[in-house]
Amino acid sequence: PPEGITAEVVEVSSLEELAALGDR
């Protein structure tokens, strides 16, 4: 959006690690 997005960062190093985070 014109005003941008603001959010917390979550870090992963693989697609498998991303999948394991689930709802987080």
PDB file of all heavy atoms in Angstrom:
ATOM      1  N   PRO A   1       0.853  -1.193   0.000  1.00  0.00           N
ATOM      2  CA  PRO A   1       0.000   0.000   0.000  1.00  0.00           C
ATOM      3  C   PRO A   1       0.889   1.243   0.000  1.00  0.00           C
ATOM      4  O   PRO A   1       2.085   1.171   0.363  1.00  0.00           O
ATOM      5  CB  PRO A   1      -0.782  -0.124   1.304  1.00  0.00           C
ATOM      6  CG  PRO A   1      -0.686  -1.562   1.684  1.00  0.00           C
ATOM      7  CD  PRO A   1       0.631  -2.046   1.182  1.00  0.00           C
ATOM      8  N   PRO A   2       0.370   2.393  -0.399  1.00  0.00           N
ATOM      9  CA  PRO A   2       1.195   3.612  -0.443  1.00  0.00           C
ATOM     10  C   PRO A   2       1.911   3.905   0.869  1.00  0.00           C
ATOM     11  O   PRO A   2       3.034   4.415   0.867  1.00  0.00           O
ATOM     12  CB  PRO A   2       0.177   4.706  -0.785  1.00  0.00           C
ATOM     13  CG  PRO A   2      -0.905   3.988  -1.525  1.00  0.00           C
ATOM     14  CD  PRO A   2      -1.005   2.640  -0.888  1.00  0.00           C
ATOM     15  N   GLU A   3       1.250   3.585   1.984  1.00  0.00           N
ATOM     16  CA  GLU A   3       1.881   3.854   3.288  1.00  0.00           C
ATOM     17  C   GLU A   3       2.867   2.767   3.689  1.00  0.00           C
ATOM     18  O   GLU A   3       3.553   2.881   4.712  1.00  0.00           O
ATOM     19  CB  GLU A   3       0.811   4.001   4.372  1.00  0.00           C
ATOM     20  CG  GLU A   3       0.042   2.727   4.700  1.00  0.00           C
ATOM     21  CD  GLU A   3      -1.104   2.415   3.761  1.00  0.00           C
ATOM     22  OE1 GLU A   3      -1.222   3.089   2.699  1.00  0.00           O
ATOM     23  OE2 GLU A   3      -1.895   1.500   4.083  1.00  0.00           O
ATOM     24  N   GLY A   4       2.950   1.709   2.909  1.00  0.00           N
ATOM     25  CA  GLY A   4       3.869   0.618   3.214  1.00  0.00           C
ATOM     26  C   GLY A   4       3.251  -0.437   4.108  1.00  0.00           C
ATOM     27  O   GLY A   4       2.067  -0.371   4.465  1.00  0.00           O
ATOM     28  N   ILE A   5       4.042  -1.435   4.464  1.00  0.00           N
ATOM     29  CA  ILE A   5       3.627  -2.452   5.431  1.00  0.00           C
ATOM     30  C   ILE A   5       4.611  -2.427   6.598  1.00  0.00           C
ATOM     31  O   ILE A   5       5.804  -2.201   6.416  1.00  0.00           O
ATOM     32  CB  ILE A   5       3.578  -3.863   4.803  1.00  0.00           C
ATOM     33  CG1 ILE A   5       4.949  -4.255   4.221  1.00  0.00           C
ATOM     34  CG2 ILE A   5       2.498  -3.941   3.743  1.00  0.00           C
ATOM     35  CD1 ILE A   5       5.038  -5.715   3.796  1.00  0.00           C
ATOM     36  N   THR A   6       4.094  -2.653   7.786  1.00  0.00           N
ATOM     37  CA  THR A   6       4.919  -2.717   8.984  1.00  0.00           C
ATOM     38  C   THR A   6       4.616  -4.028   9.686  1.00  0.00           C
ATOM     39  O   THR A   6       3.447  -4.370   9.923  1.00  0.00           O
ATOM     40  CB  THR A   6       4.603  -1.543   9.932  1.00  0.00           C
ATOM     41  OG1 THR A   6       4.888  -0.308   9.247  1.00  0.00           O
ATOM     42  CG2 THR A   6       5.446  -1.630  11.190  1.00  0.00           C
ATOM     43  N   ALA A   7       5.664  -4.786   9.999  1.00  0.00           N
ATOM     44  CA  ALA A   7       5.445  -6.101  10.603  1.00  0.00           C
ATOM     45  C   ALA A   7       6.723  -6.576  11.276  1.00  0.00           C
ATOM     46  O   ALA A   7       7.825  -6.084  10.996  1.00  0.00           O
ATOM     47  CB  ALA A   7       5.010  -7.116   9.548  1.00  0.00           C
ATOM     48  N   GLU A   8       6.548  -7.556  12.174  1.00  0.00           N
ATOM     49  CA  GLU A   8       7.696  -8.216  12.786  1.00  0.00           C
ATOM     50  C   GLU A   8       8.367  -9.145  11.775  1.00  0.00           C
ATOM     51  O   GLU A   8       7.722  -9.659  10.849  1.00  0.00           O
ATOM     52  CB  GLU A   8       7.263  -9.022  14.014  1.00  0.00           C
ATOM     53  CG  GLU A   8       6.893  -8.173  15.208  1.00  0.00           C
ATOM     54  CD  GLU A   8       6.678  -9.013  16.460  1.00  0.00           C
ATOM     55  OE1 GLU A   8       7.181 -10.160  16.494  1.00  0.00           O
ATOM     56  OE2 GLU A   8       5.997  -8.521  17.369  1.00  0.00           O
ATOM     57  N   VAL A   9       9.640  -9.361  11.995  1.00  0.00           N
ATOM     58  CA  VAL A   9      10.441 -10.215  11.109  1.00  0.00           C
ATOM     59  C   VAL A   9      10.593 -11.586  11.731  1.00  0.00           C
ATOM     60  O   VAL A   9      10.854 -11.719  12.937  1.00  0.00           O
ATOM     61  CB  VAL A   9      11.833  -9.595  10.861  1.00  0.00           C
ATOM     62  CG1 VAL A   9      12.692 -10.516   9.984  1.00  0.00           C
ATOM     63  CG2 VAL A   9      11.698  -8.221  10.208  1.00  0.00           C
ATOM     64  N   VAL A  10      10.458 -12.627  10.902  1.00  0.00           N
ATOM     65  CA  VAL A  10      10.789 -13.985  11.303  1.00  0.00           C
ATOM     66  C   VAL A  10      11.824 -14.496  10.315  1.00  0.00           C
ATOM     67  O   VAL A  10      11.693 -14.295   9.101  1.00  0.00           O
ATOM     68  CB  VAL A  10       9.539 -14.894  11.347  1.00  0.00           C
ATOM     69  CG1 VAL A  10       8.849 -14.963  10.000  1.00  0.00           C
ATOM     70  CG2 VAL A  10       9.901 -16.281  11.832  1.00  0.00           C
ATOM     71  N   GLU A  11      12.864 -15.131  10.801  1.00  0.00           N
ATOM     72  CA  GLU A  11      13.984 -15.544   9.953  1.00  0.00           C
ATOM     73  C   GLU A  11      13.971 -17.048   9.729  1.00  0.00           C
ATOM     74  O   GLU A  11      13.763 -17.829  10.662  1.00  0.00           O
ATOM     75  CB  GLU A  11      15.307 -15.144  10.610  1.00  0.00           C
ATOM     76  CG  GLU A  11      16.539 -15.508   9.785  1.00  0.00           C
ATOM     77  CD  GLU A  11      17.830 -15.141  10.492  1.00  0.00           C
ATOM     78  OE1 GLU A  11      17.814 -15.018  11.744  1.00  0.00           O
ATOM     79  OE2 GLU A  11      18.858 -14.982   9.809  1.00  0.00           O
ATOM     80  N   VAL A  12      14.223 -17.452   8.478  1.00  0.00           N
ATOM     81  CA  VAL A  12      14.391 -18.863   8.144  1.00  0.00           C
ATOM     82  C   VAL A  12      15.554 -18.983   7.166  1.00  0.00           C
ATOM     83  O   VAL A  12      15.932 -18.013   6.505  1.00  0.00           O
ATOM     84  CB  VAL A  12      13.121 -19.479   7.518  1.00  0.00           C
ATOM     85  CG1 VAL A  12      11.946 -19.398   8.480  1.00  0.00           C
ATOM     86  CG2 VAL A  12      12.776 -18.796   6.200  1.00  0.00           C
ATOM     87  N   SER A  13      16.089 -20.186   7.049  1.00  0.00           N
ATOM     88  CA  SER A  13      17.195 -20.408   6.117  1.00  0.00           C
ATOM     89  C   SER A  13      16.878 -21.470   5.074  1.00  0.00           C
ATOM     90  O   SER A  13      17.752 -21.846   4.296  1.00  0.00           O
ATOM     91  CB  SER A  13      18.466 -20.801   6.883  1.00  0.00           C
ATOM     92  OG  SER A  13      18.236 -21.968   7.651  1.00  0.00           O
ATOM     93  N   SER A  14      15.633 -21.957   5.062  1.00  0.00           N
ATOM     94  CA  SER A  14      15.234 -22.943   4.064  1.00  0.00           C
ATOM     95  C   SER A  14      13.714 -22.948   3.949  1.00  0.00           C
ATOM     96  O   SER A  14      12.997 -22.476   4.848  1.00  0.00           O
ATOM     97  CB  SER A  14      15.727 -24.337   4.447  1.00  0.00           C
ATOM     98  OG  SER A  14      15.038 -24.811   5.587  1.00  0.00           O
ATOM     99  N   LEU A  15      13.230 -23.519   2.870  1.00  0.00           N
ATOM    100  CA  LEU A  15      11.788 -23.649   2.701  1.00  0.00           C
ATOM    101  C   LEU A  15      11.213 -24.644   3.697  1.00  0.00           C
ATOM    102  O   LEU A  15      10.070 -24.497   4.153  1.00  0.00           O
ATOM    103  CB  LEU A  15      11.467 -24.085   1.272  1.00  0.00           C
ATOM    104  CG  LEU A  15      11.894 -23.096   0.163  1.00  0.00           C
ATOM    105  CD1 LEU A  15      11.521 -23.650  -1.206  1.00  0.00           C
ATOM    106  CD2 LEU A  15      11.260 -21.734   0.373  1.00  0.00           C
ATOM    107  N   GLU A  16      12.002 -25.636   4.073  1.00  0.00           N
ATOM    108  CA  GLU A  16      11.558 -26.609   5.072  1.00  0.00           C
ATOM    109  C   GLU A  16      11.397 -25.949   6.433  1.00  0.00           C
ATOM    110  O   GLU A  16      10.426 -26.211   7.164  1.00  0.00           O
ATOM    111  CB  GLU A  16      12.559 -27.759   5.160  1.00  0.00           C
ATOM    112  CG  GLU A  16      12.632 -28.642   3.922  1.00  0.00           C
ATOM    113  CD  GLU A  16      13.390 -27.997   2.768  1.00  0.00           C
ATOM    114  OE1 GLU A  16      14.131 -27.001   2.999  1.00  0.00           O
ATOM    115  OE2 GLU A  16      13.220 -28.467   1.631  1.00  0.00           O
ATOM    116  N   GLU A  17      12.325 -25.058   6.770  1.00  0.00           N
ATOM    117  CA  GLU A  17      12.231 -24.339   8.046  1.00  0.00           C
ATOM    118  C   GLU A  17      11.017 -23.418   8.053  1.00  0.00           C
ATOM    119  O   GLU A  17      10.336 -23.274   9.075  1.00  0.00           O
ATOM    120  CB  GLU A  17      13.511 -23.536   8.267  1.00  0.00           C
ATOM    121  CG  GLU A  17      13.625 -22.923   9.647  1.00  0.00           C
ATOM    122  CD  GLU A  17      14.951 -22.221   9.858  1.00  0.00           C
ATOM    123  OE1 GLU A  17      15.907 -22.503   9.108  1.00  0.00           O
ATOM    124  OE2 GLU A  17      15.015 -21.381  10.780  1.00  0.00           O
ATOM    125  N   LEU A  18      10.728 -22.820   6.905  1.00  0.00           N
ATOM    126  CA  LEU A  18       9.534 -21.982   6.798  1.00  0.00           C
ATOM    127  C   LEU A  18       8.277 -22.801   7.064  1.00  0.00           C
ATOM    128  O   LEU A  18       7.408 -22.393   7.846  1.00  0.00           O
ATOM    129  CB  LEU A  18       9.462 -21.363   5.399  1.00  0.00           C
ATOM    130  CG  LEU A  18       8.203 -20.570   5.075  1.00  0.00           C
ATOM    131  CD1 LEU A  18       8.163 -19.261   5.850  1.00  0.00           C
ATOM    132  CD2 LEU A  18       8.104 -20.307   3.571  1.00  0.00           C
ATOM    133  N   ALA A  19       8.184 -23.967   6.439  1.00  0.00           N
ATOM    134  CA  ALA A  19       6.999 -24.814   6.612  1.00  0.00           C
ATOM    135  C   ALA A  19       6.835 -25.243   8.063  1.00  0.00           C
ATOM    136  O   ALA A  19       5.708 -25.345   8.566  1.00  0.00           O
ATOM    137  CB  ALA A  19       7.101 -26.036   5.701  1.00  0.00           C
ATOM    138  N   ALA A  20       7.948 -25.474   8.754  1.00  0.00           N
ATOM    139  CA  ALA A  20       7.887 -25.937  10.135  1.00  0.00           C
ATOM    140  C   ALA A  20       7.372 -24.867  11.097  1.00  0.00           C
ATOM    141  O   ALA A  20       6.893 -25.186  12.187  1.00  0.00           O
ATOM    142  CB  ALA A  20       9.270 -26.413  10.584  1.00  0.00           C
ATOM    143  N   LEU A  21       7.432 -23.587  10.699  1.00  0.00           N
ATOM    144  CA  LEU A  21       6.982 -22.513  11.595  1.00  0.00           C
ATOM    145  C   LEU A  21       5.464 -22.429  11.685  1.00  0.00           C
ATOM    146  O   LEU A  21       4.928 -21.860  12.640  1.00  0.00           O
ATOM    147  CB  LEU A  21       7.535 -21.169  11.110  1.00  0.00           C
ATOM    148  CG  LEU A  21       9.025 -20.935  11.329  1.00  0.00           C
ATOM    149  CD1 LEU A  21       9.438 -19.594  10.747  1.00  0.00           C
ATOM    150  CD2 LEU A  21       9.381 -21.008  12.808  1.00  0.00           C
ATOM    151  N   GLY A  22       4.773 -22.955  10.708  1.00  0.00           N
ATOM    152  CA  GLY A  22       3.313 -22.966  10.764  1.00  0.00           C
ATOM    153  C   GLY A  22       2.716 -21.581  10.909  1.00  0.00           C
ATOM    154  O   GLY A  22       3.075 -20.643  10.180  1.00  0.00           O
ATOM    155  N   ASP A  23       1.823 -21.424  11.893  1.00  0.00           N
ATOM    156  CA  ASP A  23       1.084 -20.165  12.065  1.00  0.00           C
ATOM    157  C   ASP A  23       1.964 -18.997  12.490  1.00  0.00           C
ATOM    158  O   ASP A  23       1.531 -17.842  12.423  1.00  0.00           O
ATOM    159  CB  ASP A  23      -0.023 -20.348  13.106  1.00  0.00           C
ATOM    160  CG  ASP A  23      -1.168 -21.196  12.573  1.00  0.00           C
ATOM    161  OD1 ASP A  23      -1.232 -21.386  11.334  1.00  0.00           O
ATOM    162  OD2 ASP A  23      -1.988 -21.668  13.384  1.00  0.00           O
ATOM    163  N   ARG A  24       3.185 -19.283  12.932  1.00  0.00           N
ATOM    164  CA  ARG A  24       4.067 -18.189  13.381  1.00  0.00           C
ATOM    165  C   ARG A  24       4.499 -17.294  12.221  1.00  0.00           C
ATOM    166  O   ARG A  24       5.071 -16.220  12.439  1.00  0.00           O
ATOM    167  CB  ARG A  24       5.297 -18.753  14.079  1.00  0.00           C
ATOM    168  CG  ARG A  24       4.997 -19.282  15.482  1.00  0.00           C
ATOM    169  CD  ARG A  24       6.224 -19.868  16.124  1.00  0.00           C
ATOM    170  NE  ARG A  24       6.601 -21.149  15.512  1.00  0.00           N
ATOM    171  CZ  ARG A  24       7.716 -21.803  15.785  1.00  0.00           C
ATOM    172  NH1 ARG A  24       8.585 -21.296  16.650  1.00  0.00           N
ATOM    173  NH2 ARG A  24       7.962 -22.967  15.203  1.00  0.00           N
TER     174      ARG A  24
END
